[in-house]
Amino acid sequence: GINAEYGKQWYQRRVREAVVSTQSTGNSGKMVCTGAKSEEESRLAARKYARVVQKLGFPAKFTEFKIQNMVGSCDVKFPIRLEGLYAQHGQFSHYEPELFPGLIYRMVRPKIVLLIFVSGKVVLTGAKDRKDIYDAFECIYPILKNFRKK
């Protein structure tokens, strides 16, 4: 089935068919599609939403599709000493365990933000393409190994 909500200036719609994603449309008419698991799924979901808007009688066109933010996550399978990582990589990171349990690591090249948790879970966000996520992980993994909890 299809679910729709209307609130203030945003219209959200969730498609539960082959692609599960959420789409928001603002006053500008631009759509933001979130939740797709791949680039192709994102494109397919955006096309479907544009088609739904057309069927509602609006002159929608599917143009200027671009991926703005990709998110990846992984588990390095060992606990990490975040205090030590922060002490040696303070220029790239922010760590306040009273406010947020993860260390926020802002990588310069590629320009990716990583959320690193004591458990070994890592979330990589801000990528424009999949390669950036893989490159960022390849850069951070040797560093994380150096701060493995004994």
N, C-alpha and C. Protein backbone atom coordinates (compact mmCIF):
# COMPACT_ATOMS: atom_id res chain seq x y z
N GLY A 1 0.82 -1.18 0.00
CA GLY A 1 0.00 0.00 0.00
C GLY A 1 0.86 1.24 0.00
N ILE A 2 0.21 2.36 -0.16
CA ILE A 2 0.89 3.66 -0.16
C ILE A 2 0.37 4.47 1.02
N ASN A 3 1.26 5.13 1.68
CA ASN A 3 1.00 5.95 2.85
C ASN A 3 1.29 7.39 2.50
N ALA A 4 0.47 8.34 2.87
CA ALA A 4 0.78 9.74 2.61
C ALA A 4 0.44 10.58 3.83
N GLU A 5 1.27 11.57 4.11
CA GLU A 5 1.04 12.51 5.21
C GLU A 5 1.19 13.91 4.65
N TYR A 6 0.42 14.85 5.20
CA TYR A 6 0.60 16.25 4.80
C TYR A 6 0.84 17.05 6.06
N GLY A 7 1.89 17.85 6.07
CA GLY A 7 2.18 18.70 7.21
C GLY A 7 2.80 19.99 6.74
N LYS A 8 2.43 21.10 7.34
CA LYS A 8 2.92 22.45 7.04
C LYS A 8 3.29 22.61 5.57
N GLN A 9 4.61 22.65 5.26
CA GLN A 9 5.03 22.92 3.89
C GLN A 9 5.60 21.69 3.20
N TRP A 10 5.63 20.56 3.88
CA TRP A 10 6.23 19.37 3.29
C TRP A 10 5.18 18.29 3.08
N TYR A 11 5.30 17.62 2.00
CA TYR A 11 4.43 16.50 1.67
C TYR A 11 5.32 15.27 1.64
N GLN A 12 5.00 14.28 2.45
CA GLN A 12 5.81 13.07 2.48
C GLN A 12 4.99 11.89 1.98
N ARG A 13 5.66 10.99 1.30
CA ARG A 13 4.99 9.84 0.74
C ARG A 13 5.93 8.64 0.83
N ARG A 14 5.40 7.52 1.22
CA ARG A 14 6.21 6.32 1.37
C ARG A 14 5.67 5.25 0.42
N VAL A 15 6.54 4.72 -0.42
CA VAL A 15 6.15 3.67 -1.35
C VAL A 15 6.64 2.35 -0.80
N ARG A 16 5.77 1.36 -0.67
CA ARG A 16 6.15 0.09 -0.08
C ARG A 16 6.21 -1.04 -1.11
N GLU A 17 6.41 -0.68 -2.35
CA GLU A 17 6.51 -1.72 -3.36
C GLU A 17 7.94 -2.25 -3.40
N ALA A 18 8.53 -2.34 -4.56
CA ALA A 18 9.88 -2.88 -4.70
C ALA A 18 10.91 -2.00 -4.01
N VAL A 19 10.70 -0.69 -4.01
CA VAL A 19 11.65 0.25 -3.43
C VAL A 19 10.99 0.89 -2.22
N VAL A 20 11.65 0.84 -1.08
CA VAL A 20 11.13 1.50 0.11
C VAL A 20 11.94 2.77 0.30
N SER A 21 11.27 3.91 0.17
CA SER A 21 11.93 5.19 0.34
C SER A 21 10.89 6.21 0.76
N THR A 22 11.36 7.37 1.19
CA THR A 22 10.48 8.47 1.55
C THR A 22 10.84 9.65 0.68
N GLN A 23 9.83 10.36 0.24
CA GLN A 23 10.03 11.51 -0.64
C GLN A 23 9.39 12.71 0.03
N SER A 24 10.07 13.86 -0.02
CA SER A 24 9.54 15.11 0.49
C SER A 24 9.57 16.14 -0.62
N THR A 25 8.52 16.95 -0.70
CA THR A 25 8.47 18.01 -1.69
C THR A 25 8.28 19.33 -0.97
N GLY A 26 9.16 20.28 -1.24
CA GLY A 26 9.07 21.60 -0.61
C GLY A 26 8.38 22.59 -1.52
N ASN A 27 8.34 23.85 -1.08
CA ASN A 27 7.68 24.91 -1.86
C ASN A 27 8.33 25.12 -3.22
N SER A 28 9.61 24.81 -3.35
CA SER A 28 10.31 25.01 -4.62
C SER A 28 9.87 24.00 -5.67
N GLY A 29 9.25 22.91 -5.24
CA GLY A 29 8.86 21.86 -6.17
C GLY A 29 9.90 20.78 -6.31
N LYS A 30 11.08 20.99 -5.70
CA LYS A 30 12.12 19.97 -5.75
C LYS A 30 11.78 18.85 -4.79
N MET A 31 12.13 17.63 -5.20
CA MET A 31 11.87 16.46 -4.37
C MET A 31 13.15 15.97 -3.75
N VAL A 32 13.04 15.46 -2.53
CA VAL A 32 14.15 14.83 -1.84
C VAL A 32 13.72 13.41 -1.54
N CYS A 33 14.48 12.46 -2.01
CA CYS A 33 14.16 11.05 -1.83
C CYS A 33 15.18 10.44 -0.88
N THR A 34 14.71 9.82 0.20
CA THR A 34 15.62 9.21 1.18
C THR A 34 15.25 7.76 1.42
N GLY A 35 16.21 6.98 1.86
CA GLY A 35 15.95 5.62 2.29
C GLY A 35 16.25 4.53 1.28
N ALA A 36 16.58 4.89 0.06
CA ALA A 36 16.89 3.87 -0.95
C ALA A 36 18.22 3.20 -0.59
N LYS A 37 18.37 1.96 -0.97
CA LYS A 37 19.56 1.19 -0.62
C LYS A 37 20.66 1.22 -1.69
N SER A 38 20.38 1.81 -2.84
CA SER A 38 21.39 1.90 -3.89
C SER A 38 21.09 3.12 -4.76
N GLU A 39 22.06 3.47 -5.59
CA GLU A 39 21.89 4.59 -6.49
C GLU A 39 20.73 4.33 -7.46
N GLU A 40 20.66 3.11 -7.98
CA GLU A 40 19.61 2.78 -8.94
C GLU A 40 18.23 2.78 -8.28
N GLU A 41 18.15 2.28 -7.04
CA GLU A 41 16.88 2.31 -6.31
C GLU A 41 16.43 3.75 -6.08
N SER A 42 17.37 4.62 -5.79
CA SER A 42 17.05 6.03 -5.56
C SER A 42 16.48 6.66 -6.82
N ARG A 43 17.14 6.39 -7.93
CA ARG A 43 16.67 6.93 -9.21
C ARG A 43 15.28 6.40 -9.56
N LEU A 44 15.06 5.10 -9.36
CA LEU A 44 13.76 4.47 -9.65
C LEU A 44 12.67 5.07 -8.76
N ALA A 45 12.96 5.24 -7.47
CA ALA A 45 11.97 5.80 -6.55
C ALA A 45 11.64 7.24 -6.95
N ALA A 46 12.64 8.03 -7.31
CA ALA A 46 12.41 9.42 -7.70
C ALA A 46 11.54 9.48 -8.95
N ARG A 47 11.80 8.58 -9.91
CA ARG A 47 10.98 8.54 -11.13
C ARG A 47 9.53 8.19 -10.79
N LYS A 48 9.35 7.22 -9.87
CA LYS A 48 7.99 6.82 -9.47
C LYS A 48 7.26 7.98 -8.82
N TYR A 49 7.95 8.72 -7.94
CA TYR A 49 7.31 9.86 -7.29
C TYR A 49 6.92 10.93 -8.30
N ALA A 50 7.80 11.19 -9.27
CA ALA A 50 7.48 12.17 -10.31
C ALA A 50 6.25 11.73 -11.09
N ARG A 51 6.15 10.44 -11.36
CA ARG A 51 5.00 9.90 -12.09
C ARG A 51 3.71 10.06 -11.28
N VAL A 52 3.78 9.83 -9.97
CA VAL A 52 2.61 10.00 -9.10
C VAL A 52 2.15 11.45 -9.14
N VAL A 53 3.10 12.38 -9.06
CA VAL A 53 2.77 13.81 -9.10
C VAL A 53 2.12 14.16 -10.44
N GLN A 54 2.62 13.59 -11.54
CA GLN A 54 2.02 13.82 -12.86
C GLN A 54 0.58 13.31 -12.89
N LYS A 55 0.36 12.12 -12.32
CA LYS A 55 -0.99 11.54 -12.31
C LYS A 55 -1.96 12.37 -11.48
N LEU A 56 -1.42 13.14 -10.53
CA LEU A 56 -2.27 14.04 -9.73
C LEU A 56 -2.60 15.32 -10.48
N GLY A 57 -2.05 15.45 -11.70
CA GLY A 57 -2.38 16.59 -12.54
C GLY A 57 -1.39 17.73 -12.53
N PHE A 58 -0.25 17.53 -11.92
CA PHE A 58 0.76 18.58 -11.89
C PHE A 58 1.77 18.36 -13.01
N PRO A 59 2.31 19.44 -13.58
CA PRO A 59 3.26 19.30 -14.70
C PRO A 59 4.68 18.95 -14.21
N ALA A 60 4.83 17.81 -13.62
CA ALA A 60 6.13 17.40 -13.08
C ALA A 60 7.01 16.83 -14.18
N LYS A 61 8.32 17.10 -14.07
CA LYS A 61 9.30 16.53 -14.99
C LYS A 61 10.42 15.92 -14.18
N PHE A 62 10.95 14.84 -14.67
CA PHE A 62 12.07 14.17 -13.99
C PHE A 62 13.36 14.71 -14.61
N THR A 63 13.93 15.75 -13.98
CA THR A 63 15.16 16.35 -14.48
C THR A 63 16.11 16.62 -13.33
N GLU A 64 17.35 16.83 -13.64
CA GLU A 64 18.38 17.22 -12.67
C GLU A 64 18.50 16.25 -11.49
N PHE A 65 18.37 14.96 -11.75
CA PHE A 65 18.53 13.97 -10.68
C PHE A 65 19.99 13.94 -10.25
N LYS A 66 20.23 14.05 -8.95
CA LYS A 66 21.60 13.90 -8.46
C LYS A 66 21.56 13.39 -7.03
N ILE A 67 22.58 12.64 -6.70
CA ILE A 67 22.71 12.10 -5.36
C ILE A 67 23.52 13.12 -4.56
N GLN A 68 22.95 13.56 -3.45
CA GLN A 68 23.58 14.58 -2.61
C GLN A 68 24.33 13.98 -1.43
N ASN A 69 23.84 12.87 -0.89
CA ASN A 69 24.41 12.33 0.33
C ASN A 69 24.21 10.81 0.37
N MET A 70 25.32 10.10 0.44
CA MET A 70 25.25 8.65 0.60
C MET A 70 25.74 8.32 2.00
N VAL A 71 25.15 7.29 2.59
CA VAL A 71 25.50 6.85 3.93
C VAL A 71 25.86 5.38 3.89
N GLY A 72 26.95 5.03 4.56
CA GLY A 72 27.35 3.64 4.67
C GLY A 72 27.60 3.31 6.13
N SER A 73 27.52 2.06 6.48
CA SER A 73 27.83 1.66 7.86
C SER A 73 28.52 0.31 7.85
N CYS A 74 29.31 0.07 8.89
CA CYS A 74 30.01 -1.20 8.99
C CYS A 74 30.38 -1.47 10.44
N ASP A 75 30.90 -2.65 10.68
CA ASP A 75 31.35 -3.05 12.01
C ASP A 75 32.76 -3.59 11.83
N VAL A 76 33.75 -2.98 12.51
CA VAL A 76 35.13 -3.44 12.37
C VAL A 76 35.41 -4.67 13.24
N LYS A 77 34.44 -5.05 14.05
CA LYS A 77 34.49 -6.29 14.86
C LYS A 77 35.50 -6.24 16.00
N PHE A 78 35.85 -5.03 16.44
CA PHE A 78 36.65 -4.90 17.65
C PHE A 78 36.31 -3.57 18.32
N PRO A 79 36.42 -3.51 19.66
CA PRO A 79 36.13 -2.25 20.35
C PRO A 79 37.25 -1.23 20.12
N ILE A 80 36.90 0.05 20.18
CA ILE A 80 37.83 1.14 19.86
C ILE A 80 37.97 2.08 21.06
N ARG A 81 39.21 2.48 21.35
CA ARG A 81 39.50 3.45 22.41
C ARG A 81 39.29 4.85 21.84
N LEU A 82 38.09 5.39 22.02
CA LEU A 82 37.76 6.68 21.44
C LEU A 82 38.54 7.83 22.07
N GLU A 83 38.84 7.73 23.38
CA GLU A 83 39.60 8.79 24.04
C GLU A 83 40.99 8.92 23.41
N GLY A 84 41.64 7.80 23.16
CA GLY A 84 42.96 7.81 22.54
C GLY A 84 42.91 8.34 21.11
N LEU A 85 41.91 7.93 20.37
CA LEU A 85 41.73 8.40 19.00
C LEU A 85 41.54 9.91 18.99
N TYR A 86 40.73 10.39 19.92
CA TYR A 86 40.47 11.83 20.00
C TYR A 86 41.74 12.59 20.41
N ALA A 87 42.51 12.03 21.33
CA ALA A 87 43.74 12.69 21.79
C ALA A 87 44.74 12.87 20.64
N GLN A 88 44.85 11.87 19.77
CA GLN A 88 45.83 11.94 18.68
C GLN A 88 45.28 12.54 17.37
N HIS A 89 43.97 12.55 17.24
CA HIS A 89 43.36 13.06 15.99
C HIS A 89 42.36 14.17 16.28
N GLY A 90 42.65 14.98 17.30
CA GLY A 90 41.75 16.05 17.72
C GLY A 90 41.46 17.08 16.66
N GLN A 91 42.41 17.30 15.75
CA GLN A 91 42.19 18.31 14.70
C GLN A 91 41.10 17.87 13.71
N PHE A 92 40.83 16.57 13.65
CA PHE A 92 39.80 16.05 12.73
C PHE A 92 38.54 15.60 13.45
N SER A 93 38.60 15.53 14.80
CA SER A 93 37.50 14.88 15.50
C SER A 93 36.93 15.70 16.64
N HIS A 94 35.75 15.27 17.05
CA HIS A 94 35.02 15.89 18.15
C HIS A 94 34.45 14.74 18.99
N TYR A 95 34.70 14.78 20.29
CA TYR A 95 34.22 13.70 21.15
C TYR A 95 33.79 14.25 22.49
N GLU A 96 32.50 14.19 22.75
CA GLU A 96 31.92 14.58 24.03
C GLU A 96 30.95 13.49 24.43
N PRO A 97 31.45 12.46 25.13
CA PRO A 97 30.61 11.30 25.45
C PRO A 97 29.38 11.63 26.31
N GLU A 98 29.39 12.78 27.02
CA GLU A 98 28.22 13.16 27.81
C GLU A 98 27.07 13.59 26.90
N LEU A 99 27.40 14.07 25.70
CA LEU A 99 26.39 14.55 24.77
C LEU A 99 26.02 13.54 23.69
N PHE A 100 27.03 12.81 23.22
CA PHE A 100 26.82 11.83 22.13
C PHE A 100 27.85 10.72 22.29
N PRO A 101 27.42 9.47 22.21
CA PRO A 101 28.33 8.36 22.50
C PRO A 101 29.41 8.08 21.46
N GLY A 102 29.30 8.68 20.29
CA GLY A 102 30.28 8.43 19.24
C GLY A 102 31.25 9.57 19.04
N LEU A 103 32.38 9.23 18.45
CA LEU A 103 33.37 10.22 18.06
C LEU A 103 33.02 10.67 16.65
N ILE A 104 32.99 11.97 16.42
CA ILE A 104 32.70 12.51 15.09
C ILE A 104 34.03 12.85 14.44
N TYR A 105 34.34 12.17 13.35
CA TYR A 105 35.63 12.33 12.67
C TYR A 105 35.36 12.95 11.30
N ARG A 106 35.89 14.14 11.08
CA ARG A 106 35.69 14.84 9.80
C ARG A 106 36.91 14.63 8.92
N MET A 107 36.79 13.69 8.00
CA MET A 107 37.90 13.38 7.10
C MET A 107 37.97 14.47 6.02
N VAL A 108 39.19 14.86 5.67
CA VAL A 108 39.38 15.92 4.68
C VAL A 108 39.28 15.38 3.26
N ARG A 109 39.99 14.25 2.98
CA ARG A 109 40.01 13.66 1.66
C ARG A 109 39.86 12.16 1.75
N PRO A 110 38.77 11.59 1.31
CA PRO A 110 37.59 12.26 0.77
C PRO A 110 36.84 13.00 1.88
N LYS A 111 36.03 13.95 1.47
CA LYS A 111 35.31 14.79 2.44
C LYS A 111 34.11 13.98 2.96
N ILE A 112 34.35 13.27 4.04
CA ILE A 112 33.36 12.37 4.63
C ILE A 112 33.34 12.60 6.14
N VAL A 113 32.17 12.46 6.74
CA VAL A 113 32.06 12.50 8.19
C VAL A 113 31.80 11.08 8.67
N LEU A 114 32.59 10.65 9.67
CA LEU A 114 32.44 9.31 10.22
C LEU A 114 31.96 9.42 11.67
N LEU A 115 31.03 8.60 12.05
CA LEU A 115 30.62 8.46 13.43
C LEU A 115 31.20 7.14 13.89
N ILE A 116 32.10 7.19 14.86
CA ILE A 116 32.82 6.00 15.29
C ILE A 116 32.42 5.71 16.73
N PHE A 117 32.00 4.48 16.98
CA PHE A 117 31.51 4.10 18.31
C PHE A 117 32.46 3.10 18.97
N VAL A 118 32.46 3.09 20.32
CA VAL A 118 33.31 2.19 21.09
C VAL A 118 33.12 0.74 20.65
N SER A 119 31.90 0.38 20.29
CA SER A 119 31.56 -0.99 19.90
C SER A 119 32.27 -1.46 18.64
N GLY A 120 32.81 -0.52 17.86
CA GLY A 120 33.42 -0.87 16.58
C GLY A 120 32.51 -0.57 15.40
N LYS A 121 31.32 -0.10 15.67
CA LYS A 121 30.42 0.29 14.59
C LYS A 121 30.85 1.65 14.05
N VAL A 122 30.76 1.79 12.73
CA VAL A 122 31.17 3.04 12.06
C VAL A 122 30.09 3.42 11.05
N VAL A 123 29.70 4.68 11.06
CA VAL A 123 28.76 5.21 10.08
C VAL A 123 29.52 6.26 9.27
N LEU A 124 29.47 6.15 7.95
CA LEU A 124 30.14 7.10 7.05
C LEU A 124 29.07 7.86 6.30
N THR A 125 29.12 9.18 6.32
CA THR A 125 28.08 9.97 5.68
C THR A 125 28.67 11.18 4.96
N GLY A 126 27.89 11.71 4.02
CA GLY A 126 28.31 12.89 3.29
C GLY A 126 28.93 12.61 1.94
N ALA A 127 28.93 11.37 1.51
CA ALA A 127 29.54 11.01 0.23
C ALA A 127 28.64 11.40 -0.93
N LYS A 128 29.27 11.76 -2.03
CA LYS A 128 28.53 12.04 -3.26
C LYS A 128 28.47 10.78 -4.14
N ASP A 129 29.42 9.86 -3.91
CA ASP A 129 29.39 8.59 -4.64
C ASP A 129 29.96 7.47 -3.77
N ARG A 130 29.70 6.28 -4.17
CA ARG A 130 30.07 5.07 -3.42
C ARG A 130 31.58 4.96 -3.20
N LYS A 131 32.37 5.37 -4.17
CA LYS A 131 33.82 5.28 -4.07
C LYS A 131 34.35 6.07 -2.87
N ASP A 132 33.74 7.24 -2.59
CA ASP A 132 34.16 8.04 -1.44
C ASP A 132 34.01 7.27 -0.13
N ILE A 133 32.94 6.51 -0.01
CA ILE A 133 32.72 5.73 1.21
C ILE A 133 33.80 4.66 1.34
N TYR A 134 34.07 3.95 0.26
CA TYR A 134 35.10 2.90 0.31
C TYR A 134 36.48 3.50 0.59
N ASP A 135 36.79 4.62 -0.06
CA ASP A 135 38.09 5.27 0.15
C ASP A 135 38.24 5.74 1.59
N ALA A 136 37.18 6.32 2.15
CA ALA A 136 37.23 6.80 3.54
C ALA A 136 37.45 5.64 4.49
N PHE A 137 36.79 4.51 4.24
CA PHE A 137 36.97 3.37 5.13
C PHE A 137 38.40 2.83 5.03
N GLU A 138 38.93 2.77 3.82
CA GLU A 138 40.31 2.31 3.65
C GLU A 138 41.30 3.21 4.38
N CYS A 139 41.00 4.52 4.46
CA CYS A 139 41.87 5.46 5.18
C CYS A 139 41.74 5.30 6.69
N ILE A 140 40.52 5.09 7.19
CA ILE A 140 40.29 5.10 8.63
C ILE A 140 40.59 3.75 9.27
N TYR A 141 40.47 2.65 8.55
CA TYR A 141 40.63 1.33 9.15
C TYR A 141 42.00 1.14 9.81
N PRO A 142 43.12 1.47 9.16
CA PRO A 142 44.42 1.32 9.83
C PRO A 142 44.53 2.17 11.10
N ILE A 143 43.92 3.33 11.08
CA ILE A 143 43.92 4.21 12.25
C ILE A 143 43.13 3.55 13.38
N LEU A 144 41.96 3.01 13.05
CA LEU A 144 41.13 2.35 14.07
C LEU A 144 41.85 1.15 14.68
N LYS A 145 42.58 0.42 13.84
CA LYS A 145 43.33 -0.74 14.35
C LYS A 145 44.34 -0.32 15.42
N ASN A 146 44.93 0.87 15.26
CA ASN A 146 45.89 1.39 16.24
C ASN A 146 45.23 1.72 17.58
N PHE A 147 43.90 1.91 17.59
CA PHE A 147 43.20 2.25 18.82
C PHE A 147 42.26 1.14 19.26
N ARG A 148 42.59 -0.07 18.84
CA ARG A 148 41.85 -1.24 19.26
C ARG A 148 42.01 -1.45 20.76
N LYS A 149 40.88 -1.68 21.45
CA LYS A 149 40.95 -1.94 22.90
C LYS A 149 41.57 -3.31 23.10
N LYS A 150 42.48 -3.39 24.04
CA LYS A 150 43.17 -4.67 24.31
C LYS A 150 42.33 -5.54 25.23
